[in-house]
PDB file of N, CA and C in Angstrom:
ATOM      1  N   GLN A   1      -4.497   8.799  -7.760  1.00  0.00           N
ATOM      2  CA  GLN A   1      -4.571   9.096  -5.711  1.00  0.00           C
ATOM      3  C   GLN A   1      -5.914   8.195  -5.201  1.00  0.00           C
ATOM      4  N   TYR A   2      -6.858   8.488  -6.111  1.00  0.00           N
ATOM      5  CA  TYR A   2      -7.736   7.359  -5.526  1.00  0.00           C
ATOM      6  C   TYR A   2      -7.490   5.306  -5.209  1.00  0.00           C
ATOM      7  N   LYS A   3      -7.266   5.290  -6.718  1.00  0.00           N
ATOM      8  CA  LYS A   3      -7.097   4.039  -6.508  1.00  0.00           C
ATOM      9  C   LYS A   3      -6.164   3.464  -5.169  1.00  0.00           C
ATOM     10  N   ALA A   4      -5.457   4.364  -5.176  1.00  0.00           N
ATOM     11  CA  ALA A   4      -4.797   3.839  -4.115  1.00  0.00           C
ATOM     12  C   ALA A   4      -4.564   4.069  -2.575  1.00  0.00           C
ATOM     13  N   GLU A   5      -5.911   4.824  -2.726  1.00  0.00           N
ATOM     14  CA  GLU A   5      -7.264   5.535  -1.155  1.00  0.00           C
ATOM     15  C   GLU A   5      -7.563   3.970  -1.370  1.00  0.00           C
ATOM     16  N   VAL A   6      -8.449   3.652  -2.206  1.00  0.00           N
ATOM     17  CA  VAL A   6      -8.693   2.041  -2.317  1.00  0.00           C
ATOM     18  C   VAL A   6      -8.102   1.152  -1.833  1.00  0.00           C
ATOM     19  N   MET A   7      -7.404   0.989  -2.252  1.00  0.00           N
ATOM     20  CA  MET A   7      -6.384  -0.119  -2.029  1.00  0.00           C
ATOM     21  C   MET A   7      -5.761  -0.134  -0.497  1.00  0.00           C
ATOM     22  N   LEU A   8      -5.684   1.011  -0.002  1.00  0.00           N
ATOM     23  CA  LEU A   8      -5.307   0.986   1.575  1.00  0.00           C
ATOM     24  C   LEU A   8      -6.300   1.022   2.055  1.00  0.00           C
ATOM     25  N   ARG A   9      -7.483   1.278   2.197  1.00  0.00           N
ATOM     26  CA  ARG A   9      -9.045   1.092   2.569  1.00  0.00           C
ATOM     27  C   ARG A   9      -9.054  -0.421   2.728  1.00  0.00           C
ATOM     28  N   ILE A  10      -9.325  -1.369   1.631  1.00  0.00           N
ATOM     29  CA  ILE A  10      -9.179  -2.781   1.588  1.00  0.00           C
ATOM     30  C   ILE A  10      -8.873  -3.399   2.213  1.00  0.00           C
ATOM     31  N   PHE A  11      -7.022  -2.599   2.329  1.00  0.00           N
ATOM     32  CA  PHE A  11      -6.042  -3.386   2.847  1.00  0.00           C
ATOM     33  C   PHE A  11      -6.253  -3.423   4.441  1.00  0.00           C
ATOM     34  N   GLU A  12      -6.681  -2.171   5.106  1.00  0.00           N
ATOM     35  CA  GLU A  12      -6.611  -1.936   6.496  1.00  0.00           C
ATOM     36  C   GLU A  12      -7.313  -2.748   6.726  1.00  0.00           C
ATOM     37  N   LYS A  13      -9.350  -2.797   6.371  1.00  0.00           N
ATOM     38  CA  LYS A  13     -10.221  -3.250   6.534  1.00  0.00           C
ATOM     39  C   LYS A  13      -9.990  -4.770   6.790  1.00  0.00           C
ATOM     40  N   ASP A  14      -9.538  -5.266   5.180  1.00  0.00           N
ATOM     41  CA  ASP A  14      -9.770  -7.086   5.090  1.00  0.00           C
ATOM     42  C   ASP A  14      -8.681  -7.547   5.089  1.00  0.00           C
ATOM     43  N   ILE A  15      -7.827  -6.987   4.694  1.00  0.00           N
ATOM     44  CA  ILE A  15      -6.156  -8.006   4.743  1.00  0.00           C
ATOM     45  C   ILE A  15      -5.652  -7.909   6.052  1.00  0.00           C
ATOM     46  N   LYS A  16      -5.132  -6.572   6.777  1.00  0.00           N
ATOM     47  CA  LYS A  16      -4.498  -6.145   7.572  1.00  0.00           C
ATOM     48  C   LYS A  16      -4.406  -7.093   8.889  1.00  0.00           C
ATOM     49  N   PRO A  17      -5.626  -7.331   9.426  1.00  0.00           N
ATOM     50  CA  PRO A  17      -6.274  -8.181  10.630  1.00  0.00           C
ATOM     51  C   PRO A  17      -6.095  -9.617  10.566  1.00  0.00           C
ATOM     52  N   LEU A  18      -5.600 -10.255   9.123  1.00  0.00           N
ATOM     53  CA  LEU A  18      -5.099 -11.400   8.970  1.00  0.00           C
ATOM     54  C   LEU A  18      -4.094 -11.722   9.788  1.00  0.00           C
ATOM     55  N   ILE A  19      -3.799 -12.899  10.094  1.00  0.00           N
ATOM     56  CA  ILE A  19      -2.980 -13.485  10.540  1.00  0.00           C
ATOM     57  C   ILE A  19      -1.915 -12.707  11.362  1.00  0.00           C
ATOM     58  N   GLY A  20      -3.204 -12.722  12.447  1.00  0.00           N
ATOM     59  CA  GLY A  20      -3.078 -12.019  14.122  1.00  0.00           C
ATOM     60  C   GLY A  20      -2.065 -10.523  13.201  1.00  0.00           C
ATOM     61  N   GLY A  21      -2.622  -9.705  12.561  1.00  0.00           N
ATOM     62  CA  GLY A  21      -2.354  -8.778  12.210  1.00  0.00           C
ATOM     63  C   GLY A  21      -1.279  -8.427  11.457  1.00  0.00           C
ATOM     64  N   ARG A  22      -0.308  -9.402  10.818  1.00  0.00           N
ATOM     65  CA  ARG A  22       0.954  -9.477   9.932  1.00  0.00           C
ATOM     66  C   ARG A  22       0.690  -9.681   8.282  1.00  0.00           C
ATOM     67  N   ALA A  23      -0.519  -9.738   8.205  1.00  0.00           N
ATOM     68  CA  ALA A  23      -0.888  -9.938   6.455  1.00  0.00           C
ATOM     69  C   ALA A  23      -0.284  -9.187   6.265  1.00  0.00           C
ATOM     70  N   LYS A  24       0.416  -9.362   4.448  1.00  0.00           N
ATOM     71  CA  LYS A  24       1.012  -8.093   3.542  1.00  0.00           C
ATOM     72  C   LYS A  24      -0.159  -8.353   2.425  1.00  0.00           C
ATOM     73  N   ALA A  25       0.467  -7.527   1.533  1.00  0.00           N
ATOM     74  CA  ALA A  25      -0.170  -7.241   0.499  1.00  0.00           C
ATOM     75  C   ALA A  25       1.054  -6.847  -0.440  1.00  0.00           C
ATOM     76  N   MET A  26       0.445  -7.259  -2.076  1.00  0.00           N
ATOM     77  CA  MET A  26       0.985  -6.630  -2.940  1.00  0.00           C
ATOM     78  C   MET A  26       0.260  -5.972  -4.125  1.00  0.00           C
ATOM     79  N   ILE A  27       0.920  -4.930  -4.568  1.00  0.00           N
ATOM     80  CA  ILE A  27       0.573  -4.499  -5.807  1.00  0.00           C
ATOM     81  C   ILE A  27       1.238  -4.633  -7.014  1.00  0.00           C
ATOM     82  N   VAL A  28       0.458  -5.196  -7.793  1.00  0.00           N
ATOM     83  CA  VAL A  28       1.052  -5.223  -9.443  1.00  0.00           C
ATOM     84  C   VAL A  28       0.948  -3.966 -10.479  1.00  0.00           C
ATOM     85  N   THR A  29       2.306  -3.806 -10.938  1.00  0.00           N
ATOM     86  CA  THR A  29       1.210  -2.539 -11.973  1.00  0.00           C
ATOM     87  C   THR A  29       2.269  -2.498 -12.970  1.00  0.00           C
ATOM     88  N   SER A  30       1.829  -2.268 -14.043  1.00  0.00           N
ATOM     89  CA  SER A  30       2.154  -2.263 -15.648  1.00  0.00           C
ATOM     90  C   SER A  30       3.514  -1.636 -16.094  1.00  0.00           C
ATOM     91  N   SER A  31       4.317  -0.733 -15.317  1.00  0.00           N
ATOM     92  CA  SER A  31       5.270  -0.432 -15.153  1.00  0.00           C
ATOM     93  C   SER A  31       6.123  -0.032 -14.082  1.00  0.00           C
ATOM     94  N   ARG A  32       7.355   0.078 -14.295  1.00  0.00           N
ATOM     95  CA  ARG A  32       8.474   0.738 -13.263  1.00  0.00           C
ATOM     96  C   ARG A  32       7.697   2.178 -12.310  1.00  0.00           C
ATOM     97  N   VAL A  33       7.411   2.948 -13.396  1.00  0.00           N
ATOM     98  CA  VAL A  33       6.925   4.240 -13.677  1.00  0.00           C
ATOM     99  C   VAL A  33       5.688   4.322 -12.211  1.00  0.00           C
ATOM    100  N   ALA A  34       4.955   3.104 -13.143  1.00  0.00           N
ATOM    101  CA  ALA A  34       3.580   3.440 -12.352  1.00  0.00           C
ATOM    102  C   ALA A  34       3.988   2.395 -11.202  1.00  0.00           C
ATOM    103  N   GLY A  35       4.439   2.016 -10.948  1.00  0.00           N
ATOM    104  CA  GLY A  35       4.628   1.033  -9.633  1.00  0.00           C
ATOM    105  C   GLY A  35       5.277   2.266  -8.605  1.00  0.00           C
ATOM    106  N   LEU A  36       6.421   3.085  -9.136  1.00  0.00           N
ATOM    107  CA  LEU A  36       7.003   4.418  -7.816  1.00  0.00           C
ATOM    108  C   LEU A  36       5.698   5.267  -7.861  1.00  0.00           C
ATOM    109  N   ARG A  37       4.789   5.816  -8.866  1.00  0.00           N
ATOM    110  CA  ARG A  37       4.003   6.587  -8.741  1.00  0.00           C
ATOM    111  C   ARG A  37       3.195   6.311  -7.098  1.00  0.00           C
ATOM    112  N   TYR A  38       3.065   4.789  -7.171  1.00  0.00           N
ATOM    113  CA  TYR A  38       1.505   4.336  -6.464  1.00  0.00           C
ATOM    114  C   TYR A  38       2.224   4.567  -5.321  1.00  0.00           C
ATOM    115  N   PHE A  39       3.760   3.808  -5.107  1.00  0.00           N
ATOM    116  CA  PHE A  39       4.614   4.119  -3.982  1.00  0.00           C
ATOM    117  C   PHE A  39       4.818   5.460  -3.227  1.00  0.00           C
ATOM    118  N   ASN A  40       4.950   6.476  -3.647  1.00  0.00           N
ATOM    119  CA  ASN A  40       5.278   7.642  -2.983  1.00  0.00           C
ATOM    120  C   ASN A  40       3.289   8.067  -2.918  1.00  0.00           C
ATOM    121  N   ILE A  41       2.488   7.752  -3.646  1.00  0.00           N
ATOM    122  CA  ILE A  41       1.369   8.431  -3.192  1.00  0.00           C
ATOM    123  C   ILE A  41       1.054   7.305  -1.894  1.00  0.00           C
ATOM    124  N   ILE A  42       1.217   6.226  -1.361  1.00  0.00           N
ATOM    125  CA  ILE A  42       1.036   5.162  -0.036  1.00  0.00           C
ATOM    126  C   ILE A  42       1.611   5.742   0.972  1.00  0.00           C
ATOM    127  N   ARG A  43       2.865   6.132  -0.249  1.00  0.00           N
ATOM    128  CA  ARG A  43       3.613   6.436   1.586  1.00  0.00           C
ATOM    129  C   ARG A  43       3.449   7.844   1.853  1.00  0.00           C
ATOM    130  N   GLU A  44       2.920   8.782   1.465  1.00  0.00           N
ATOM    131  CA  GLU A  44       2.302  10.074   2.433  1.00  0.00           C
ATOM    132  C   GLU A  44       1.251   9.296   2.346  1.00  0.00           C
ATOM    133  N   LYS A  45      -0.174   8.970   2.366  1.00  0.00           N
ATOM    134  CA  LYS A  45      -0.903   8.567   2.418  1.00  0.00           C
ATOM    135  C   LYS A  45      -0.956   7.703   3.987  1.00  0.00           C
ATOM    136  N   LEU A  46       0.147   6.876   4.083  1.00  0.00           N
ATOM    137  CA  LEU A  46       0.043   6.057   5.282  1.00  0.00           C
ATOM    138  C   LEU A  46       1.037   7.331   6.584  1.00  0.00           C
ATOM    139  N   LYS A  47       1.887   8.249   5.846  1.00  0.00           N
ATOM    140  CA  LYS A  47       2.344   9.472   6.525  1.00  0.00           C
ATOM    141  C   LYS A  47       1.724  10.086   7.490  1.00  0.00           C
ATOM    142  N   GLU A  48       0.710  10.385   6.319  1.00  0.00           N
ATOM    143  CA  GLU A  48      -0.745  11.581   6.542  1.00  0.00           C
ATOM    144  C   GLU A  48      -1.626  10.360   8.326  1.00  0.00           C
ATOM    145  N   ARG A  49      -1.617   9.118   7.583  1.00  0.00           N
ATOM    146  CA  ARG A  49      -1.979   8.265   8.950  1.00  0.00           C
ATOM    147  C   ARG A  49      -1.571   8.244  10.161  1.00  0.00           C
ATOM    148  N   GLY A  50       0.017   8.713  10.193  1.00  0.00           N
ATOM    149  CA  GLY A  50       0.543   7.711  11.557  1.00  0.00           C
ATOM    150  C   GLY A  50       0.477   6.479  11.501  1.00  0.00           C
ATOM    151  N   ALA A  51       0.213   6.002  10.164  1.00  0.00           N
ATOM    152  CA  ALA A  51       0.415   3.964  10.281  1.00  0.00           C
ATOM    153  C   ALA A  51       1.596   3.491  10.409  1.00  0.00           C
ATOM    154  N   ASP A  52       0.990   2.470  11.353  1.00  0.00           N
ATOM    155  CA  ASP A  52       2.533   1.785  12.007  1.00  0.00           C
ATOM    156  C   ASP A  52       2.914   0.302  11.064  1.00  0.00           C
ATOM    157  N   TYR A  53       3.043   0.370   9.812  1.00  0.00           N
ATOM    158  CA  TYR A  53       3.491   0.263   8.811  1.00  0.00           C
ATOM    159  C   TYR A  53       4.181   0.888   7.635  1.00  0.00           C
ATOM    160  N   LYS A  54       4.925   0.066   6.638  1.00  0.00           N
ATOM    161  CA  LYS A  54       5.406   1.017   5.770  1.00  0.00           C
ATOM    162  C   LYS A  54       5.400   0.311   4.162  1.00  0.00           C
ATOM    163  N   VAL A  55       5.582   0.960   3.418  1.00  0.00           N
ATOM    164  CA  VAL A  55       4.772   0.544   1.973  1.00  0.00           C
ATOM    165  C   VAL A  55       6.499  -0.054   1.395  1.00  0.00           C
ATOM    166  N   LEU A  56       7.001  -0.641   0.834  1.00  0.00           N
ATOM    167  CA  LEU A  56       8.540  -1.452   0.184  1.00  0.00           C
ATOM    168  C   LEU A  56       7.361  -1.120  -1.311  1.00  0.00           C
ATOM    169  N   TYR A  57       8.767  -0.436  -2.392  1.00  0.00           N
ATOM    170  CA  TYR A  57       8.631  -0.217  -3.567  1.00  0.00           C
ATOM    171  C   TYR A  57       9.725  -1.599  -4.185  1.00  0.00           C
ATOM    172  N   ALA A  58       9.540  -2.747  -4.866  1.00  0.00           N
ATOM    173  CA  ALA A  58      10.224  -3.288  -5.577  1.00  0.00           C
ATOM    174  C   ALA A  58      10.218  -3.835  -6.953  1.00  0.00           C
ATOM    175  N   PHE A  59      11.217  -4.251  -7.701  1.00  0.00           N
ATOM    176  CA  PHE A  59      11.265  -4.406  -9.445  1.00  0.00           C
ATOM    177  C   PHE A  59      11.826  -5.268  -9.387  1.00  0.00           C
ATOM    178  N   SER A  60      11.165  -6.778 -10.984  1.00  0.00           N
ATOM    179  CA  SER A  60      12.096  -7.600 -11.179  1.00  0.00           C
ATOM    180  C   SER A  60      12.085  -7.039 -12.771  1.00  0.00           C
TER     181      SER A  60
END
């Protein structure tokens, strides 16, 4: 959970303001399970913050 919190802080502070607030970011994980864990944690943290954006989980 700590890593997800750090990623969100970096995104909100440094990345989101770019391109007129329309910038995006990608988190690459070692497995689908790890990706799903990050997705669930980040989704909950965004809900707690009342964020105006969402997280998307995809894999190939």
